[in-house]
Amino acid sequence: MRTEPDDAVEEVGNVLVALADPTRRRLLDLLAAQGAVTATTLAGRLPVSRQAIVKHLAVLDAAGLVVGNRVGREVRYSLRPAGLDATTRWMSSLAADWDRRLAAIKRVAEAVERDLS
């Protein structure tokens, strides 16, 4: 089993915490569909206040999943897909470890079955 550096572990943890909330996942869906938009625009699409949207966007920003760019008086938020890279690598590694373990269990089970036949 591979171990990740502490900063990668923290980055993955921050992304998983951000993704754990259904409102934040919905915000990511909206940003993927609409591109760069303001918190006010996002609040018009969800049953939560603009202030709540801003707080959720701050969590997503801290996790590296969105970025806010000031355009005049507005801040437009957009996706930052690279923010998922470390989490994707970790999940792929975890899946590969489980695939190896399950393949080993299958081999043992098939060997036992052959021995019993």
Protein backbone atom coordinates (compact mmCIF):
# COMPACT_ATOMS: atom_id res chain seq x y z
CA MET A 1 0.00 0.00 0.00
CA ARG A 2 1.34 3.41 -0.98
CA THR A 3 1.47 6.27 1.45
CA GLU A 4 0.93 9.82 0.30
CA PRO A 5 2.89 12.84 1.54
CA ASP A 6 1.14 14.78 4.31
CA ASP A 7 0.24 17.68 2.01
CA ALA A 8 -1.46 15.31 -0.47
CA VAL A 9 -3.36 13.63 2.37
CA GLU A 10 -4.57 17.02 3.60
CA GLU A 11 -5.51 18.08 0.05
CA VAL A 12 -7.55 14.90 -0.48
CA GLY A 13 -9.19 15.37 2.91
CA ASN A 14 -10.18 18.94 2.08
CA VAL A 15 -11.71 17.86 -1.24
CA LEU A 16 -13.65 15.01 0.37
CA VAL A 17 -14.98 17.33 3.08
CA ALA A 18 -16.03 19.84 0.42
CA LEU A 19 -17.72 17.14 -1.67
CA ALA A 20 -19.54 15.65 1.33
CA ASP A 21 -22.12 18.42 1.31
CA PRO A 22 -24.96 18.06 -1.24
CA THR A 23 -25.29 21.84 -1.68
CA ARG A 24 -21.61 22.12 -2.61
CA ARG A 25 -21.94 19.24 -5.07
CA ARG A 26 -24.93 21.03 -6.60
CA LEU A 27 -22.88 24.22 -6.86
CA LEU A 28 -20.18 22.32 -8.75
CA ASP A 29 -22.84 20.92 -11.09
CA LEU A 30 -24.19 24.42 -11.74
CA LEU A 31 -20.73 25.83 -12.38
CA ALA A 32 -19.99 22.97 -14.78
CA ALA A 33 -23.18 23.71 -16.70
CA GLN A 34 -23.04 27.51 -16.64
CA GLY A 35 -19.38 28.47 -16.54
CA ALA A 36 -18.26 31.49 -14.52
CA VAL A 37 -21.13 33.01 -12.53
CA THR A 38 -21.66 35.12 -9.44
CA ALA A 39 -22.82 33.94 -6.03
CA THR A 40 -26.04 35.89 -6.61
CA THR A 41 -26.73 33.93 -9.80
CA LEU A 42 -26.04 30.65 -8.01
CA ALA A 43 -28.29 31.66 -5.10
CA GLY A 44 -31.12 32.18 -7.58
CA ARG A 45 -30.85 28.53 -8.57
CA LEU A 46 -30.77 27.00 -5.08
CA PRO A 47 -33.07 27.19 -2.04
CA VAL A 48 -30.41 28.82 0.15
CA SER A 49 -29.37 32.42 0.80
CA ARG A 50 -26.63 34.21 -1.07
CA GLN A 51 -24.65 34.34 2.19
CA ALA A 52 -24.85 30.55 2.49
CA ILE A 53 -23.71 30.21 -1.13
CA VAL A 54 -20.71 32.44 -0.43
CA LYS A 55 -19.77 30.27 2.57
CA HIS A 56 -20.07 27.10 0.48
CA LEU A 57 -17.99 28.68 -2.28
CA ALA A 58 -15.31 29.56 0.30
CA VAL A 59 -15.09 25.88 1.30
CA LEU A 60 -14.87 24.84 -2.37
CA ASP A 61 -12.23 27.50 -2.98
CA ALA A 62 -10.17 26.38 0.03
CA ALA A 63 -10.33 22.81 -1.34
CA GLY A 64 -9.06 24.06 -4.71
CA LEU A 65 -12.25 23.13 -6.58
CA VAL A 66 -13.37 26.62 -7.60
CA VAL A 67 -11.70 29.94 -8.15
CA GLY A 68 -13.20 33.39 -7.85
CA ASN A 69 -12.14 36.16 -10.22
CA ARG A 70 -13.11 39.77 -9.64
CA VAL A 71 -14.74 41.44 -12.64
CA GLY A 72 -15.49 45.02 -11.66
CA ARG A 73 -17.62 44.86 -8.52
CA GLU A 74 -18.55 41.19 -9.01
CA VAL A 75 -16.73 37.99 -8.20
CA ARG A 76 -17.34 35.31 -10.79
CA TYR A 77 -16.73 31.74 -9.69
CA SER A 78 -15.64 28.97 -12.01
CA LEU A 79 -14.56 25.36 -11.69
CA ARG A 80 -10.96 24.40 -11.13
CA PRO A 81 -10.90 20.76 -12.34
CA ALA A 82 -7.23 20.35 -11.41
CA GLY A 83 -8.38 20.54 -7.78
CA LEU A 84 -9.58 16.96 -8.13
CA ASP A 85 -6.26 15.58 -9.38
CA ALA A 86 -4.83 14.41 -6.04
CA THR A 87 -8.19 12.94 -5.01
CA THR A 88 -8.52 11.13 -8.33
CA ARG A 89 -5.02 9.65 -7.95
CA TRP A 90 -5.79 8.53 -4.39
CA MET A 91 -9.10 6.96 -5.39
CA SER A 92 -7.49 5.19 -8.36
CA SER A 93 -4.74 3.84 -6.14
CA LEU A 94 -7.29 2.67 -3.57
CA ALA A 95 -9.37 0.98 -6.28
CA ALA A 96 -6.29 -0.75 -7.68
CA ASP A 97 -5.36 -2.04 -4.20
CA TRP A 98 -8.86 -3.47 -3.76
CA ASP A 99 -8.78 -5.02 -7.24
CA ARG A 100 -5.50 -6.79 -6.34
CA ARG A 101 -6.93 -8.02 -3.03
CA LEU A 102 -10.13 -9.28 -4.62
CA ALA A 103 -8.18 -11.03 -7.38
CA ALA A 104 -6.08 -12.78 -4.72
CA ILE A 105 -9.23 -13.89 -2.87
CA LYS A 106 -10.69 -15.17 -6.13
CA ARG A 107 -7.54 -17.19 -6.86
CA VAL A 108 -7.64 -18.76 -3.39
CA ALA A 109 -11.35 -19.56 -3.70
CA GLU A 110 -10.87 -21.12 -7.13
CA ALA A 111 -7.93 -23.20 -5.84
CA VAL A 112 -9.99 -24.45 -2.90
CA GLU A 113 -12.87 -25.28 -5.27
CA ARG A 114 -10.52 -27.25 -7.53
CA ASP A 115 -9.06 -29.12 -4.56
CA LEU A 116 -12.54 -30.06 -3.35
CA SER A 117 -13.64 -31.31 -6.77
